[in-house]
Amino acid sequence: MKRPTIQSILNFNIVSCIILVCCLSCGESKGQEEGILISNVNIIDVRSGEILANRYVVVKDTEISSISTEEPETVFTEIIDGNGKYLLPGLAEMHAHIPSPDWGRKDMEATLFLYLSNGVTTIRGMLGHPVHLELRERAARNEILSPRIYTSSPSLNGNTVPTTEEADKKVREYQAAGYDFLKIHPGIRRDVFDVLVSTANEVGIPFAGHVPVDVGIRHALESNYKSVDHIDGFLEGLVPVEANVSPDENGFFGYNFTDLADRNKITELVALSAAHQVWIVPTQSLFDRWFSPVAPEDYLSEEEMQYMPASVLSAWRESKTNLISNPDYSEDKWERFNSIRRQLLLALQNNGHGLLLGSDAPQVFNVPGFSIHHEIEGMLSAGITPLQAIQAGTLNPAMYFGMEGKFGEIVSGASADLVLLDANPLENIENLRNPAYVIVRGYSLSRDEIIQKLSAIAESAKNE
């Protein structure tokens, strides 16, 4: 081998320096940016159900910055491997309950995380409290780990608004305080309700929730509820006038009128809801679980119950036992009752204004976050498709809040509220459980982090 000359060594060093400079220049142009890259992932288009394969999703700050078919050259601070996985917009729980201060600060944080652990990145709180207004703003500023929060006013019911004067006063107070909408509960007289609606329209605050017996479903729909929850009032609305029954003898959401209901009237009520653009939140899981003939012990043995304090589980057992031990209750009648509900649910999906995903959690045997999966199961049992159920928790809530393109779908510029799944939920809705990652407004939670936090919540629940 020929010994290298001084000149050849110098030439080699010059070339090496040029290569090094070029490499450094490439590194500088590539750069490192704060943000998350979800690589080579399958995106579920919730509008069409189409799978957009092998996409690269960039999250910067709180938003989806870009979506492309080519891997970005930028080096990101966090890279999530999406190979073989499916990316879905975060879900909305449209009939949630947020603990009030009486529950304790620890319970509040735990409840918010239980929603997140199941991919719920938006909640509509259905029993408001002044502290929820502050909580909503802190969540929006990412000061706390929480879903996006919308909150109702405190309850408007027969006791809190017994007169027209009180209804007018409270509507104005709650609108001025900044609540997102008014929560209607049972017991309101029709004349009081009409003043409530008139004032709400005047000051520009929507109202949603139950349908008071004295109001009735037809007048409620004609009054332009923003949403009717629990499909409340619909079964009573199927009872013919000639049945000559007292409306306030309806029982649990119309159960007592099960055998009086005329299903031929469903078309009329559904058309009325569509004409007045009233969204429906079924909360079917309440009727499949709380009101079902299944023994309380069967639900108490479910793994998700470990996240609730023993005192809550005891109250749930007692509530369910009292409900199904009533002499008027029978499994056969419950089956007929639930059959009517499912028929209503499917008709409202097909011909109504639209459905919103909501399970009423925490409620009897509905653990926050986990209950969303029971709700979806109930919707599918009525004939809803997996895509329609997912739309009820993504696109539809965005439309409800006037936030299309801001959340509820995976598009550039939308809030980075995302759920990464191991398999396609459109093929098997069970794939929606146990997400690999949940990203809420740009903050990522891996499955390991979720499991660790859930374990801490379960441990804490043992001591409450």
Protein backbone atom coordinates (compact mmCIF):
# COMPACT_ATOMS: atom_id res chain seq x y z
CA MET A 1 0.00 0.00 0.00
CA LYS A 2 1.36 3.44 -0.97
CA ARG A 3 2.02 5.80 1.98
CA PRO A 4 -0.26 8.92 1.84
CA THR A 5 1.37 12.23 1.00
CA ILE A 6 1.00 15.46 3.03
CA GLN A 7 -1.06 16.94 0.18
CA SER A 8 -3.47 14.01 0.11
CA ILE A 9 -3.99 14.31 3.88
CA LEU A 10 -4.72 18.02 3.52
CA ASN A 11 -7.13 17.33 0.68
CA PHE A 12 -8.91 14.71 2.78
CA ASN A 13 -9.27 17.10 5.74
CA ILE A 14 -10.67 19.84 3.51
CA VAL A 15 -13.25 17.44 2.06
CA SER A 16 -14.12 16.20 5.55
CA CYS A 17 -14.68 19.75 6.76
CA ILE A 18 -16.91 20.48 3.80
CA ILE A 19 -18.98 17.35 4.54
CA LEU A 20 -19.17 18.26 8.23
CA VAL A 21 -20.33 21.79 7.44
CA CYS A 22 -22.93 20.42 5.05
CA CYS A 23 -24.18 18.00 7.68
CA LEU A 24 -24.38 20.76 10.26
CA SER A 25 -26.22 22.95 7.80
CA CYS A 26 -28.69 20.15 7.10
CA GLY A 27 -29.21 19.68 10.82
CA GLU A 28 -29.84 23.37 11.26
CA SER A 29 -32.38 23.43 8.43
CA LYS A 30 -34.09 20.37 9.85
CA GLY A 31 -34.10 21.84 13.33
CA GLN A 32 -35.94 20.71 16.43
CA GLU A 33 -39.34 22.11 17.28
CA GLU A 34 -41.61 21.87 20.26
CA GLY A 35 -44.49 19.64 19.30
CA ILE A 36 -45.73 16.13 18.69
CA LEU A 37 -45.50 14.04 15.53
CA ILE A 38 -47.91 11.12 15.20
CA SER A 39 -46.29 9.12 12.44
CA ASN A 40 -47.68 6.75 9.82
CA VAL A 41 -51.15 6.59 11.39
CA ASN A 42 -54.57 5.72 9.99
CA ILE A 43 -56.96 8.67 10.44
CA ILE A 44 -60.67 7.99 10.79
CA ASP A 45 -62.64 10.59 8.85
CA VAL A 46 -65.68 10.88 11.09
CA ARG A 47 -67.73 12.56 8.38
CA SER A 48 -67.50 9.70 5.88
CA GLY A 49 -66.05 6.78 7.78
CA GLU A 50 -63.17 6.71 5.30
CA ILE A 51 -59.77 5.57 6.58
CA LEU A 52 -56.95 7.93 5.57
CA ALA A 53 -53.94 5.62 5.70
CA ASN A 54 -50.31 6.41 6.53
CA ARG A 55 -50.73 10.02 7.58
CA TYR A 56 -48.37 12.22 9.57
CA VAL A 57 -50.12 14.47 12.08
CA VAL A 58 -48.23 17.37 13.64
CA VAL A 59 -49.43 18.90 16.90
CA LYS A 60 -48.04 22.26 17.99
CA ASP A 61 -49.13 23.94 21.19
CA THR A 62 -52.84 23.11 21.48
CA GLU A 63 -53.71 22.62 17.81
CA ILE A 64 -53.29 20.25 14.90
CA SER A 65 -50.68 22.08 12.84
CA SER A 66 -50.60 19.89 9.74
CA ILE A 67 -51.63 16.56 8.25
CA SER A 68 -49.61 15.10 5.39
CA THR A 69 -48.74 11.91 3.53
CA GLU A 70 -45.01 12.63 3.80
CA GLU A 71 -42.95 12.57 6.97
CA PRO A 72 -41.96 16.13 7.97
CA GLU A 73 -38.24 16.85 7.99
CA THR A 74 -38.51 18.66 11.31
CA VAL A 75 -37.35 16.85 14.44
CA PHE A 76 -40.04 17.01 17.13
CA THR A 77 -39.75 16.81 20.89
CA GLU A 78 -42.20 13.87 20.97
CA ILE A 79 -42.82 11.25 18.33
CA ILE A 80 -45.70 8.80 18.68
CA ASP A 81 -45.53 5.75 16.44
CA GLY A 82 -48.94 5.39 14.82
CA ASN A 83 -48.03 2.44 12.60
CA GLY A 84 -51.03 0.09 12.40
CA LYS A 85 -53.03 2.30 14.76
CA TYR A 86 -56.12 4.46 14.25
CA LEU A 87 -56.54 8.12 15.16
CA LEU A 88 -59.94 9.43 16.20
CA PRO A 89 -61.06 12.87 17.42
CA GLY A 90 -61.57 13.07 21.17
CA LEU A 91 -65.08 12.17 22.30
CA ALA A 92 -67.62 14.45 23.98
CA GLU A 93 -69.68 13.35 26.99
CA MET A 94 -72.74 15.52 26.50
CA HIS A 95 -74.47 14.63 29.75
CA ALA A 96 -71.71 14.79 32.33
CA HIS A 97 -71.69 15.79 35.95
CA ILE A 98 -68.79 17.64 37.52
CA PRO A 99 -68.41 17.39 41.29
CA SER A 100 -69.28 20.49 43.27
CA PRO A 101 -67.10 21.63 46.20
CA ASP A 102 -69.10 19.42 48.56
CA TRP A 103 -67.51 16.40 46.87
CA GLY A 104 -63.98 17.56 47.66
CA ARG A 105 -61.21 18.88 45.40
CA LYS A 106 -59.59 15.45 45.06
CA ASP A 107 -62.81 13.92 43.78
CA MET A 108 -63.14 16.70 41.22
CA GLU A 109 -59.70 16.07 39.76
CA ALA A 110 -60.22 12.32 39.78
CA THR A 111 -63.57 12.65 38.02
CA LEU A 112 -62.08 14.83 35.31
CA PHE A 113 -59.29 12.32 34.74
CA LEU A 114 -61.70 9.39 34.55
CA TYR A 115 -63.33 11.10 31.59
CA LEU A 116 -59.95 11.68 29.92
CA SER A 117 -58.78 8.11 30.50
CA ASN A 118 -61.47 6.91 28.10
CA GLY A 119 -60.82 9.46 25.39
CA VAL A 120 -63.42 12.00 26.51
CA THR A 121 -61.88 15.40 25.80
CA THR A 122 -65.04 17.53 26.02
CA ILE A 123 -67.76 17.43 28.67
CA ARG A 124 -71.06 19.25 29.00
CA GLY A 125 -71.71 19.60 32.72
CA MET A 126 -75.42 19.24 33.41
CA LEU A 127 -75.68 20.54 36.97
CA GLY A 128 -73.76 23.77 37.23
CA HIS A 129 -72.16 25.46 40.22
CA PRO A 130 -70.24 28.76 40.42
CA VAL A 131 -66.96 26.87 40.90
CA HIS A 132 -67.47 25.23 37.50
CA LEU A 133 -67.16 28.61 35.80
CA GLU A 134 -63.64 28.99 37.19
CA LEU A 135 -62.88 25.36 36.39
CA ARG A 136 -63.97 25.90 32.77
CA GLU A 137 -61.54 28.79 32.35
CA ARG A 138 -58.66 26.95 34.03
CA ALA A 139 -59.21 23.99 31.71
CA ALA A 140 -59.25 26.30 28.68
CA ARG A 141 -55.90 27.77 29.78
CA ASN A 142 -54.47 24.26 30.30
CA GLU A 143 -53.85 25.00 33.97
CA ILE A 144 -55.47 21.70 34.94
CA LEU A 145 -55.60 18.29 33.29
CA SER A 146 -59.21 18.22 32.19
CA PRO A 147 -61.53 17.83 29.24
CA ARG A 148 -62.85 21.02 27.67
CA ILE A 149 -65.76 22.12 29.86
CA TYR A 150 -69.16 23.55 29.03
CA THR A 151 -71.36 24.08 32.05
CA SER A 152 -75.04 24.51 32.71
CA SER A 153 -76.55 26.83 35.26
CA PRO A 154 -77.65 25.48 38.62
CA SER A 155 -80.92 23.57 38.45
CA LEU A 156 -84.10 25.31 37.38
CA ASN A 157 -86.95 23.26 38.82
CA GLY A 158 -90.28 23.53 40.59
CA ASN A 159 -88.60 24.50 43.85
CA THR A 160 -85.98 26.95 42.55
CA VAL A 161 -88.35 28.77 40.16
CA PRO A 162 -91.82 28.48 41.73
CA THR A 163 -93.02 31.76 40.20
CA THR A 164 -92.74 33.63 36.92
CA GLU A 165 -90.90 36.44 38.70
CA GLU A 166 -88.29 34.06 40.09
CA ALA A 167 -87.84 32.42 36.69
CA ASP A 168 -87.18 35.77 35.00
CA LYS A 169 -84.75 36.77 37.75
CA LYS A 170 -82.74 33.55 37.74
CA VAL A 171 -82.43 33.37 33.96
CA ARG A 172 -80.96 36.88 33.92
CA GLU A 173 -78.60 36.07 36.80
CA TYR A 174 -77.30 32.89 35.23
CA GLN A 175 -76.80 34.49 31.84
CA ALA A 176 -74.89 37.39 33.40
CA ALA A 177 -72.76 34.98 35.43
CA GLY A 178 -71.54 33.36 32.21
CA TYR A 179 -73.09 29.90 32.24
CA ASP A 180 -73.21 28.28 28.81
CA PHE A 181 -76.85 27.23 29.05
CA LEU A 182 -79.75 26.75 31.47
CA LYS A 183 -80.51 23.36 33.02
CA ILE A 184 -84.21 22.47 33.11
CA HIS A 185 -85.37 19.97 35.72
CA PRO A 186 -88.85 18.58 36.51
CA GLY A 187 -91.55 20.36 38.44
CA ILE A 188 -91.75 23.68 36.57
CA ARG A 189 -95.28 24.91 35.89
CA ARG A 190 -96.10 25.70 32.28
CA ASP A 191 -96.69 29.42 32.86
CA VAL A 192 -93.36 29.68 34.69
CA PHE A 193 -91.66 27.73 31.91
CA ASP A 194 -93.01 30.09 29.27
CA VAL A 195 -91.59 33.11 31.09
CA LEU A 196 -88.29 31.27 31.50
CA VAL A 197 -88.18 30.62 27.74
CA SER A 198 -89.14 34.19 26.87
CA THR A 199 -86.43 35.66 29.09
CA ALA A 200 -83.85 33.13 27.87
CA ASN A 201 -84.56 34.15 24.29
CA GLU A 202 -84.37 37.82 25.22
CA VAL A 203 -80.96 37.58 26.90
CA GLY A 204 -79.60 34.95 24.49
CA ILE A 205 -78.97 31.85 26.58
CA PRO A 206 -80.07 28.36 25.44
CA PHE A 207 -81.81 25.85 27.69
CA ALA A 208 -81.67 22.07 27.84
CA GLY A 209 -82.44 19.03 29.96
CA HIS A 210 -85.65 17.48 31.25
CA VAL A 211 -89.22 18.09 30.13
CA PRO A 212 -91.46 19.05 33.06
CA VAL A 213 -94.74 17.11 33.11
CA ASP A 214 -96.83 20.28 33.03
CA VAL A 215 -94.95 21.44 29.92
CA GLY A 216 -95.19 18.23 27.88
CA ILE A 217 -92.99 17.12 25.01
CA ARG A 218 -94.85 18.88 22.20
CA HIS A 219 -94.76 22.29 23.86
CA ALA A 220 -91.14 21.66 24.87
CA LEU A 221 -90.09 20.94 21.30
CA GLU A 222 -92.05 23.91 19.98
CA SER A 223 -90.23 26.06 22.55
CA ASN A 224 -86.91 25.17 20.88
CA TYR A 225 -84.99 23.33 23.56
CA LYS A 226 -81.30 23.18 22.66
CA SER A 227 -81.40 19.54 23.68
CA VAL A 228 -83.86 17.19 25.34
CA ASP A 229 -81.96 14.74 27.51
CA HIS A 230 -82.90 11.13 28.38
CA ILE A 231 -85.48 11.22 25.53
CA ASP A 232 -87.54 12.70 28.36
CA GLY A 233 -91.24 13.28 27.75
CA PHE A 234 -91.38 11.34 24.48
CA LEU A 235 -92.98 8.18 25.85
CA GLU A 236 -95.62 10.26 27.65
CA GLY A 237 -96.23 12.00 24.33
CA LEU A 238 -97.19 8.66 22.78
CA VAL A 239 -100.15 8.21 25.13
CA PRO A 240 -103.50 8.92 23.39
CA VAL A 241 -105.68 11.62 24.93
CA GLU A 242 -108.53 9.14 25.24
CA ALA A 243 -106.45 7.09 27.70
CA ASN A 244 -107.48 9.79 30.17
CA VAL A 245 -104.49 9.44 32.50
CA SER A 246 -102.97 12.01 34.79
CA PRO A 247 -99.59 13.06 33.30
CA ASP A 248 -97.93 13.15 36.71
CA GLU A 249 -98.56 9.42 37.17
CA ASN A 250 -95.98 8.66 34.47
CA GLY A 251 -93.42 7.03 36.77
CA PHE A 252 -89.73 6.66 35.85
CA PHE A 253 -89.46 8.47 32.50
CA GLY A 254 -92.91 7.28 31.45
CA TYR A 255 -92.51 3.65 32.54
CA ASN A 256 -96.03 3.54 34.02
CA PHE A 257 -97.47 4.44 30.60
CA THR A 258 -95.58 1.72 28.71
CA ASP A 259 -98.65 -0.27 27.74
CA LEU A 260 -100.62 2.84 26.80
CA ALA A 261 -98.08 4.15 24.32
CA ASP A 262 -99.13 4.35 20.67
CA ARG A 263 -95.96 3.81 18.63
CA ASN A 264 -97.66 5.25 15.57
CA LYS A 265 -97.19 8.67 17.17
CA ILE A 266 -93.39 8.35 17.07
CA THR A 267 -93.19 9.77 13.54
CA GLU A 268 -95.02 12.94 14.59
CA LEU A 269 -92.79 13.62 17.61
CA VAL A 270 -89.59 12.93 15.69
CA ALA A 271 -90.68 15.27 12.90
CA LEU A 272 -91.44 17.95 15.49
CA SER A 273 -87.95 17.61 16.96
CA ALA A 274 -86.44 17.96 13.49
CA ALA A 275 -88.58 20.99 12.61
CA HIS A 276 -87.45 22.80 15.76
CA GLN A 277 -83.83 21.59 15.53
CA VAL A 278 -83.84 19.98 18.95
CA TRP A 279 -80.87 17.70 19.66
CA ILE A 280 -81.50 14.54 21.67
CA VAL A 281 -79.15 13.09 24.31
CA PRO A 282 -80.45 9.52 24.87
CA THR A 283 -78.51 8.51 28.04
CA GLN A 284 -79.66 5.00 27.13
CA SER A 285 -77.12 3.48 29.51
CA LEU A 286 -79.28 4.64 32.44
CA PHE A 287 -82.12 2.47 31.23
CA ASP A 288 -79.93 -0.45 30.23
CA ARG A 289 -78.12 -0.47 33.59
CA TRP A 290 -79.78 1.50 36.41
CA PHE A 291 -83.32 0.58 35.38
CA SER A 292 -82.60 -2.95 34.11
CA PRO A 293 -83.53 -6.08 36.09
CA VAL A 294 -79.84 -7.02 36.38
CA ALA A 295 -78.82 -7.49 40.01
CA PRO A 296 -76.71 -4.67 41.52
CA GLU A 297 -74.01 -7.19 42.47
CA ASP A 298 -73.38 -7.93 38.79
CA TYR A 299 -72.44 -4.31 38.15
CA LEU A 300 -70.51 -3.96 41.42
CA SER A 301 -68.18 -6.73 40.23
CA GLU A 302 -67.14 -4.75 37.13
CA GLU A 303 -63.52 -3.61 37.07
CA GLU A 304 -64.39 0.06 36.57
CA MET A 305 -66.21 0.21 39.92
CA GLN A 306 -62.82 0.27 41.70
CA TYR A 307 -62.55 3.96 40.82
CA MET A 308 -65.61 4.95 42.85
CA PRO A 309 -65.64 5.32 46.66
CA ALA A 310 -67.41 2.61 48.65
CA SER A 311 -69.97 5.13 49.90
CA VAL A 312 -70.97 5.94 46.31
CA LEU A 313 -71.21 2.27 45.34
CA SER A 314 -73.39 1.61 48.38
CA ALA A 315 -75.73 4.45 47.42
CA TRP A 316 -75.90 3.10 43.86
CA ARG A 317 -76.78 -0.37 45.11
CA GLU A 318 -79.55 1.01 47.28
CA SER A 319 -80.97 3.22 44.51
CA LYS A 320 -81.13 0.40 41.99
CA THR A 321 -82.55 -2.05 44.51
CA ASN A 322 -85.33 0.37 45.45
CA LEU A 323 -86.14 1.05 41.81
CA ILE A 324 -86.50 -2.54 40.65
CA SER A 325 -88.10 -3.85 43.84
CA ASN A 326 -91.17 -1.65 43.33
CA PRO A 327 -94.32 -3.82 43.03
CA ASP A 328 -95.13 -2.20 39.67
CA TYR A 329 -91.76 -3.17 38.22
CA SER A 330 -91.30 -6.34 36.16
CA GLU A 331 -88.69 -7.58 33.72
CA ASP A 332 -91.30 -8.10 30.99
CA LYS A 333 -92.59 -4.56 31.31
CA TRP A 334 -89.05 -3.18 31.36
CA GLU A 335 -88.39 -5.04 28.09
CA ARG A 336 -91.44 -3.41 26.50
CA PHE A 337 -90.49 -0.02 27.91
CA ASN A 338 -86.93 -0.31 26.63
CA SER A 339 -88.16 -1.51 23.25
CA ILE A 340 -90.13 1.73 22.85
CA ARG A 341 -87.07 3.77 23.87
CA ARG A 342 -84.90 1.99 21.32
CA GLN A 343 -87.47 2.56 18.60
CA LEU A 344 -87.56 6.25 19.50
CA LEU A 345 -83.78 6.42 19.56
CA LEU A 346 -83.40 4.94 16.08
CA ALA A 347 -86.17 7.13 14.65
CA LEU A 348 -84.56 10.23 16.14
CA GLN A 349 -81.26 9.24 14.54
CA ASN A 350 -82.80 8.60 11.13
CA ASN A 351 -85.34 11.42 10.94
CA GLY A 352 -84.74 13.78 13.86
CA HIS A 353 -82.35 16.71 14.15
CA GLY A 354 -79.54 14.56 15.56
CA LEU A 355 -78.19 12.65 18.54
CA LEU A 356 -75.53 13.66 21.05
CA LEU A 357 -73.48 11.10 22.95
CA GLY A 358 -74.21 11.31 26.67
CA SER A 359 -74.45 8.75 29.44
CA ASP A 360 -75.23 10.79 32.59
CA ALA A 361 -72.11 10.12 34.61
CA PRO A 362 -71.46 9.79 37.46
CA GLN A 363 -74.88 8.21 37.86
CA VAL A 364 -76.03 4.82 39.14
CA PHE A 365 -73.47 2.29 37.83
CA ASN A 366 -72.22 4.81 35.27
CA VAL A 367 -68.57 5.52 36.08
CA PRO A 368 -67.29 8.69 34.35
CA GLY A 369 -65.56 7.93 31.08
CA PHE A 370 -66.24 4.21 31.20
CA SER A 371 -69.97 4.79 30.91
CA ILE A 372 -69.50 6.23 27.41
CA HIS A 373 -68.80 2.70 26.20
CA HIS A 374 -72.03 1.43 27.78
CA GLU A 375 -73.89 4.29 26.13
CA ILE A 376 -72.51 3.42 22.72
CA GLU A 377 -73.46 -0.23 23.26
CA GLY A 378 -77.00 0.88 24.03
CA MET A 379 -77.13 2.98 20.88
CA LEU A 380 -75.88 0.08 18.76
CA SER A 381 -78.50 -2.22 20.29
CA ALA A 382 -81.13 0.20 18.93
CA GLY A 383 -79.75 -0.10 15.40
CA ILE A 384 -77.35 2.86 15.36
CA THR A 385 -74.16 2.15 13.40
CA PRO A 386 -70.68 2.51 14.96
CA LEU A 387 -69.98 5.52 12.72
CA GLN A 388 -73.24 7.22 13.74
CA ALA A 389 -72.48 6.62 17.42
CA ILE A 390 -68.99 8.09 17.00
CA GLN A 391 -70.43 11.07 15.12
CA ALA A 392 -72.79 11.63 18.08
CA GLY A 393 -69.67 12.09 20.22
CA THR A 394 -67.51 14.07 17.77
CA LEU A 395 -69.05 15.96 14.84
CA ASN A 396 -72.48 16.49 16.36
CA PRO A 397 -71.25 18.12 19.59
CA ALA A 398 -69.07 20.47 17.52
CA MET A 399 -72.15 21.45 15.49
CA TYR A 400 -74.20 21.79 18.69
CA PHE A 401 -71.70 24.30 20.12
CA GLY A 402 -71.11 26.06 16.79
CA MET A 403 -67.52 24.83 16.82
CA GLU A 404 -67.23 22.87 13.56
CA GLY A 405 -63.60 22.71 12.49
CA LYS A 406 -62.49 23.69 16.01
CA PHE A 407 -62.89 20.22 17.52
CA GLY A 408 -64.71 16.99 16.77
CA GLU A 409 -62.73 16.05 13.67
CA ILE A 410 -59.10 15.72 12.61
CA VAL A 411 -58.36 18.74 10.44
CA SER A 412 -55.60 21.34 10.42
CA GLY A 413 -56.30 24.15 12.83
CA ALA A 414 -58.58 22.10 15.07
CA SER A 415 -57.88 21.62 18.74
CA ALA A 416 -55.49 18.72 19.30
CA ASP A 417 -58.02 16.48 21.06
CA LEU A 418 -57.16 13.01 19.82
CA VAL A 419 -57.48 9.34 20.71
CA LEU A 420 -55.01 6.78 19.36
CA LEU A 421 -56.43 3.26 19.17
CA ASP A 422 -54.82 -0.11 18.50
CA ALA A 423 -57.55 -1.17 16.06
CA ASN A 424 -60.43 0.23 14.02
CA PRO A 425 -63.54 0.99 16.13
CA LEU A 426 -65.72 1.06 13.00
CA GLU A 427 -65.06 -2.67 12.61
CA ASN A 428 -65.52 -3.46 16.30
CA ILE A 429 -66.69 -0.77 18.71
CA GLU A 430 -64.85 -2.54 21.55
CA ASN A 431 -61.65 -1.20 19.96
CA LEU A 432 -62.63 2.19 21.36
CA ARG A 433 -61.67 1.03 24.85
CA ASN A 434 -58.22 1.26 26.42
CA PRO A 435 -56.64 3.87 24.13
CA ALA A 436 -52.91 3.78 23.41
CA TYR A 437 -52.77 7.58 23.76
CA VAL A 438 -55.15 10.37 24.65
CA ILE A 439 -54.15 13.88 23.62
CA VAL A 440 -56.09 16.78 25.10
CA ARG A 441 -55.38 20.25 23.73
CA GLY A 442 -51.86 19.14 22.81
CA TYR A 443 -51.02 17.37 26.07
CA SER A 444 -50.33 13.68 25.54
CA LEU A 445 -51.15 10.84 27.91
CA SER A 446 -49.75 7.40 27.10
CA ARG A 447 -51.51 4.20 28.09
CA ASP A 448 -48.88 3.59 30.77
CA GLU A 449 -49.46 7.06 32.22
CA ILE A 450 -53.22 6.53 32.15
CA ILE A 451 -52.94 3.17 33.91
CA GLN A 452 -50.63 4.63 36.55
CA LYS A 453 -53.02 7.48 37.30
CA LEU A 454 -56.05 5.16 37.33
CA SER A 455 -54.25 2.94 39.85
CA ALA A 456 -53.75 5.94 42.11
CA ILE A 457 -57.44 6.87 41.81
CA ALA A 458 -58.45 3.29 42.67
CA GLU A 459 -56.18 3.31 45.70
CA SER A 460 -57.58 6.64 46.86
CA ALA A 461 -61.16 5.39 46.41
CA LYS A 462 -60.48 2.59 48.90
CA ASN A 463 -59.89 5.16 51.62
CA GLU A 464 -62.99 7.26 51.01
